[in-house]
N, C-alpha and C. Protein backbone atom coordinates (compact mmCIF):
# COMPACT_ATOMS: atom_id res chain seq x y z
N MET A 1 -188.79 34.23 53.76
CA MET A 1 -190.10 33.67 53.53
C MET A 1 -191.15 34.69 53.95
N ASP A 2 -192.15 34.76 53.14
CA ASP A 2 -193.21 35.69 53.48
C ASP A 2 -194.29 34.99 54.31
N ALA A 3 -195.24 35.73 54.78
CA ALA A 3 -196.29 35.21 55.69
C ALA A 3 -197.19 34.20 54.98
N GLN A 4 -197.48 34.41 53.71
CA GLN A 4 -198.37 33.50 52.98
C GLN A 4 -197.75 32.11 52.87
N THR A 5 -196.47 32.04 52.65
CA THR A 5 -195.78 30.75 52.55
C THR A 5 -195.83 30.01 53.89
N LEU A 6 -195.61 30.72 54.97
CA LEU A 6 -195.69 30.09 56.30
C LEU A 6 -197.11 29.60 56.58
N ILE A 7 -198.11 30.38 56.21
CA ILE A 7 -199.50 29.95 56.41
C ILE A 7 -199.79 28.71 55.57
N ASN A 8 -199.32 28.69 54.33
CA ASN A 8 -199.54 27.54 53.46
C ASN A 8 -198.87 26.28 54.02
N ILE A 9 -197.66 26.42 54.50
CA ILE A 9 -196.94 25.27 55.07
C ILE A 9 -197.64 24.79 56.35
N GLY A 10 -198.03 25.73 57.20
CA GLY A 10 -198.73 25.35 58.44
C GLY A 10 -200.07 24.69 58.15
N ALA A 11 -200.83 25.26 57.23
CA ALA A 11 -202.14 24.67 56.88
C ALA A 11 -201.96 23.30 56.25
N GLY A 12 -200.93 23.17 55.42
CA GLY A 12 -200.65 21.86 54.80
C GLY A 12 -200.30 20.81 55.84
N ALA A 13 -199.49 21.20 56.83
CA ALA A 13 -199.10 20.26 57.89
C ALA A 13 -200.31 19.86 58.73
N VAL A 14 -201.15 20.84 59.06
CA VAL A 14 -202.33 20.55 59.87
C VAL A 14 -203.29 19.65 59.10
N LEU A 15 -203.55 19.98 57.84
CA LEU A 15 -204.47 19.17 57.03
C LEU A 15 -203.93 17.76 56.79
N THR A 16 -202.62 17.63 56.64
CA THR A 16 -202.02 16.31 56.49
C THR A 16 -202.22 15.48 57.75
N THR A 17 -202.00 16.10 58.89
CA THR A 17 -202.19 15.39 60.17
C THR A 17 -203.65 15.00 60.37
N VAL A 18 -204.57 15.91 60.08
CA VAL A 18 -205.99 15.61 60.21
C VAL A 18 -206.40 14.50 59.25
N GLY A 19 -205.90 14.55 58.03
CA GLY A 19 -206.20 13.51 57.05
C GLY A 19 -205.68 12.15 57.47
N TRP A 20 -204.47 12.12 58.01
CA TRP A 20 -203.90 10.85 58.49
C TRP A 20 -204.73 10.30 59.65
N LEU A 21 -205.11 11.18 60.57
CA LEU A 21 -205.92 10.76 61.71
C LEU A 21 -207.28 10.24 61.25
N TYR A 22 -207.91 10.94 60.33
CA TYR A 22 -209.20 10.51 59.80
C TYR A 22 -209.09 9.15 59.14
N ARG A 23 -208.06 8.96 58.33
CA ARG A 23 -207.87 7.68 57.63
C ARG A 23 -207.63 6.55 58.63
N THR A 24 -206.86 6.81 59.66
CA THR A 24 -206.61 5.79 60.68
C THR A 24 -207.90 5.41 61.40
N LEU A 25 -208.69 6.38 61.78
CA LEU A 25 -209.96 6.11 62.45
C LEU A 25 -210.93 5.39 61.53
N TYR A 26 -210.97 5.81 60.26
CA TYR A 26 -211.86 5.18 59.30
C TYR A 26 -211.50 3.70 59.12
N ASP A 27 -210.22 3.40 58.99
CA ASP A 27 -209.78 2.00 58.85
C ASP A 27 -210.12 1.19 60.09
N ALA A 28 -209.96 1.79 61.27
CA ALA A 28 -210.28 1.08 62.51
C ALA A 28 -211.77 0.78 62.60
N VAL A 29 -212.60 1.72 62.19
CA VAL A 29 -214.04 1.50 62.22
C VAL A 29 -214.43 0.41 61.22
N GLU A 30 -213.83 0.41 60.07
CA GLU A 30 -214.13 -0.63 59.07
C GLU A 30 -213.72 -2.02 59.57
N ARG A 31 -212.57 -2.11 60.24
CA ARG A 31 -212.16 -3.40 60.82
C ARG A 31 -213.12 -3.84 61.90
N LEU A 32 -213.61 -2.90 62.71
CA LEU A 32 -214.58 -3.23 63.74
C LEU A 32 -215.89 -3.73 63.13
N LYS A 33 -216.30 -3.12 62.04
CA LYS A 33 -217.52 -3.57 61.36
C LYS A 33 -217.37 -5.01 60.88
N VAL A 34 -216.22 -5.32 60.32
CA VAL A 34 -215.96 -6.69 59.85
C VAL A 34 -215.94 -7.66 61.04
N ASP A 35 -215.31 -7.26 62.13
CA ASP A 35 -215.25 -8.11 63.32
C ASP A 35 -216.64 -8.35 63.90
N ILE A 36 -217.46 -7.31 63.95
CA ILE A 36 -218.81 -7.45 64.48
C ILE A 36 -219.64 -8.35 63.59
N GLN A 37 -219.48 -8.21 62.29
CA GLN A 37 -220.22 -9.08 61.37
C GLN A 37 -219.80 -10.53 61.55
N ARG A 38 -218.51 -10.78 61.73
CA ARG A 38 -218.01 -12.14 61.95
C ARG A 38 -218.56 -12.69 63.27
N ILE A 39 -218.63 -11.87 64.30
CA ILE A 39 -219.17 -12.29 65.59
C ILE A 39 -220.66 -12.62 65.45
N GLU A 40 -221.39 -11.78 64.72
CA GLU A 40 -222.82 -12.02 64.53
C GLU A 40 -223.07 -13.34 63.81
N VAL A 41 -222.20 -13.71 62.90
CA VAL A 41 -222.37 -14.96 62.17
C VAL A 41 -222.04 -16.15 63.07
N CYS A 42 -221.00 -16.03 63.88
CA CYS A 42 -220.55 -17.15 64.72
C CYS A 42 -221.29 -17.26 66.04
N LEU A 43 -221.95 -16.22 66.47
CA LEU A 43 -222.55 -16.17 67.80
C LEU A 43 -223.56 -17.29 68.05
N PRO A 44 -224.49 -17.57 67.17
CA PRO A 44 -225.47 -18.62 67.48
C PRO A 44 -224.85 -20.00 67.66
N SER A 45 -223.73 -20.26 67.02
CA SER A 45 -223.12 -21.59 67.15
C SER A 45 -222.33 -21.73 68.44
N ASN A 46 -222.04 -20.63 69.14
CA ASN A 46 -221.26 -20.70 70.37
C ASN A 46 -222.11 -20.92 71.62
N TYR A 47 -223.42 -20.75 71.51
CA TYR A 47 -224.29 -20.93 72.65
C TYR A 47 -224.94 -22.30 72.64
N SER A 48 -225.32 -22.77 73.81
CA SER A 48 -226.02 -24.04 73.89
C SER A 48 -227.45 -23.87 73.40
N ARG A 49 -227.94 -24.93 72.80
CA ARG A 49 -229.32 -24.89 72.34
C ARG A 49 -230.25 -25.08 73.53
N LYS A 50 -231.49 -24.67 73.36
CA LYS A 50 -232.46 -24.70 74.45
C LYS A 50 -232.73 -26.14 74.90
N ASP A 51 -232.81 -27.07 73.97
CA ASP A 51 -233.08 -28.46 74.34
C ASP A 51 -231.92 -29.07 75.13
N GLU A 52 -230.67 -28.68 74.82
CA GLU A 52 -229.54 -29.18 75.60
C GLU A 52 -229.60 -28.68 77.04
N ILE A 53 -229.91 -27.43 77.21
CA ILE A 53 -230.01 -26.84 78.55
C ILE A 53 -231.16 -27.47 79.31
N GLN A 54 -232.29 -27.68 78.65
CA GLN A 54 -233.45 -28.27 79.31
C GLN A 54 -233.13 -29.69 79.79
N CYS A 55 -232.41 -30.45 78.98
CA CYS A 55 -232.02 -31.81 79.37
C CYS A 55 -231.13 -31.77 80.62
N ARG A 56 -230.21 -30.84 80.67
CA ARG A 56 -229.33 -30.73 81.84
C ARG A 56 -230.10 -30.30 83.08
N PHE A 57 -231.03 -29.36 82.92
CA PHE A 57 -231.83 -28.94 84.06
C PHE A 57 -232.74 -30.07 84.55
N ASP A 58 -233.23 -30.89 83.63
CA ASP A 58 -234.04 -32.05 84.04
C ASP A 58 -233.23 -33.00 84.90
N LYS A 59 -231.98 -33.24 84.52
CA LYS A 59 -231.11 -34.12 85.30
C LYS A 59 -230.84 -33.51 86.68
N ILE A 60 -230.63 -32.22 86.73
CA ILE A 60 -230.40 -31.55 88.02
C ILE A 60 -231.65 -31.62 88.89
N ASP A 61 -232.81 -31.42 88.28
CA ASP A 61 -234.06 -31.51 89.04
C ASP A 61 -234.26 -32.90 89.63
N ILE A 62 -233.95 -33.93 88.87
CA ILE A 62 -234.08 -35.31 89.37
C ILE A 62 -233.12 -35.54 90.54
N ALA A 63 -231.89 -35.08 90.41
CA ALA A 63 -230.91 -35.26 91.48
C ALA A 63 -231.33 -34.50 92.73
N LEU A 64 -231.84 -33.29 92.58
CA LEU A 64 -232.30 -32.52 93.74
C LEU A 64 -233.51 -33.16 94.40
N GLU A 65 -234.40 -33.71 93.59
CA GLU A 65 -235.59 -34.38 94.16
C GLU A 65 -235.17 -35.58 94.99
N LYS A 66 -234.21 -36.36 94.49
CA LYS A 66 -233.70 -37.50 95.26
C LYS A 66 -233.06 -37.02 96.57
N LEU A 67 -232.34 -35.93 96.51
CA LEU A 67 -231.70 -35.38 97.70
C LEU A 67 -232.74 -34.93 98.72
N TYR A 68 -233.79 -34.24 98.26
CA TYR A 68 -234.85 -33.80 99.16
C TYR A 68 -235.56 -34.99 99.81
N ILE A 69 -235.77 -36.05 99.05
CA ILE A 69 -236.42 -37.25 99.61
C ILE A 69 -235.53 -37.85 100.70
N LYS A 70 -234.25 -37.95 100.46
CA LYS A 70 -233.33 -38.49 101.46
C LYS A 70 -233.31 -37.61 102.71
N LEU A 71 -233.29 -36.30 102.53
CA LEU A 71 -233.30 -35.40 103.68
C LEU A 71 -234.59 -35.51 104.46
N ASP A 72 -235.72 -35.64 103.78
CA ASP A 72 -237.00 -35.79 104.45
C ASP A 72 -237.05 -37.08 105.26
N THR A 73 -236.51 -38.17 104.70
CA THR A 73 -236.51 -39.43 105.45
C THR A 73 -235.60 -39.33 106.66
N LYS A 74 -234.49 -38.63 106.56
CA LYS A 74 -233.59 -38.45 107.71
C LYS A 74 -234.28 -37.62 108.80
N VAL A 75 -235.00 -36.57 108.39
CA VAL A 75 -235.67 -35.71 109.36
C VAL A 75 -236.79 -36.50 110.05
N THR A 76 -237.55 -37.27 109.30
CA THR A 76 -238.65 -38.02 109.93
C THR A 76 -238.12 -39.11 110.84
N LYS A 77 -237.00 -39.73 110.51
CA LYS A 77 -236.40 -40.72 111.41
C LYS A 77 -235.89 -40.03 112.68
N GLY A 78 -235.34 -38.84 112.56
CA GLY A 78 -234.84 -38.10 113.69
C GLY A 78 -235.98 -37.64 114.60
N ASP A 79 -237.15 -37.35 114.05
CA ASP A 79 -238.31 -36.93 114.83
C ASP A 79 -238.93 -38.10 115.58
N ALA A 80 -238.75 -39.31 115.08
CA ALA A 80 -239.37 -40.48 115.69
C ALA A 80 -238.72 -40.83 117.02
N LYS A 81 -237.51 -40.41 117.28
CA LYS A 81 -236.81 -40.76 118.53
C LYS A 81 -237.40 -40.04 119.64
């Protein structure tokens, strides 16, 4: 075998490997794009709406206010002794 044949075989092997690697990376990026698009579509439905959260916080605020009132009455009764 002469030198040109060895160079051609080596270059062919290198280019084949680079092409395979490029194709693999390209396919992975395309799958990621599809996954991100699917996530972007589904994302708003996975979070609670603002009115639901506000209703829950209102209930928590009411419960905390009742607790503070009870604690204040206990403290004032304790101070009266």
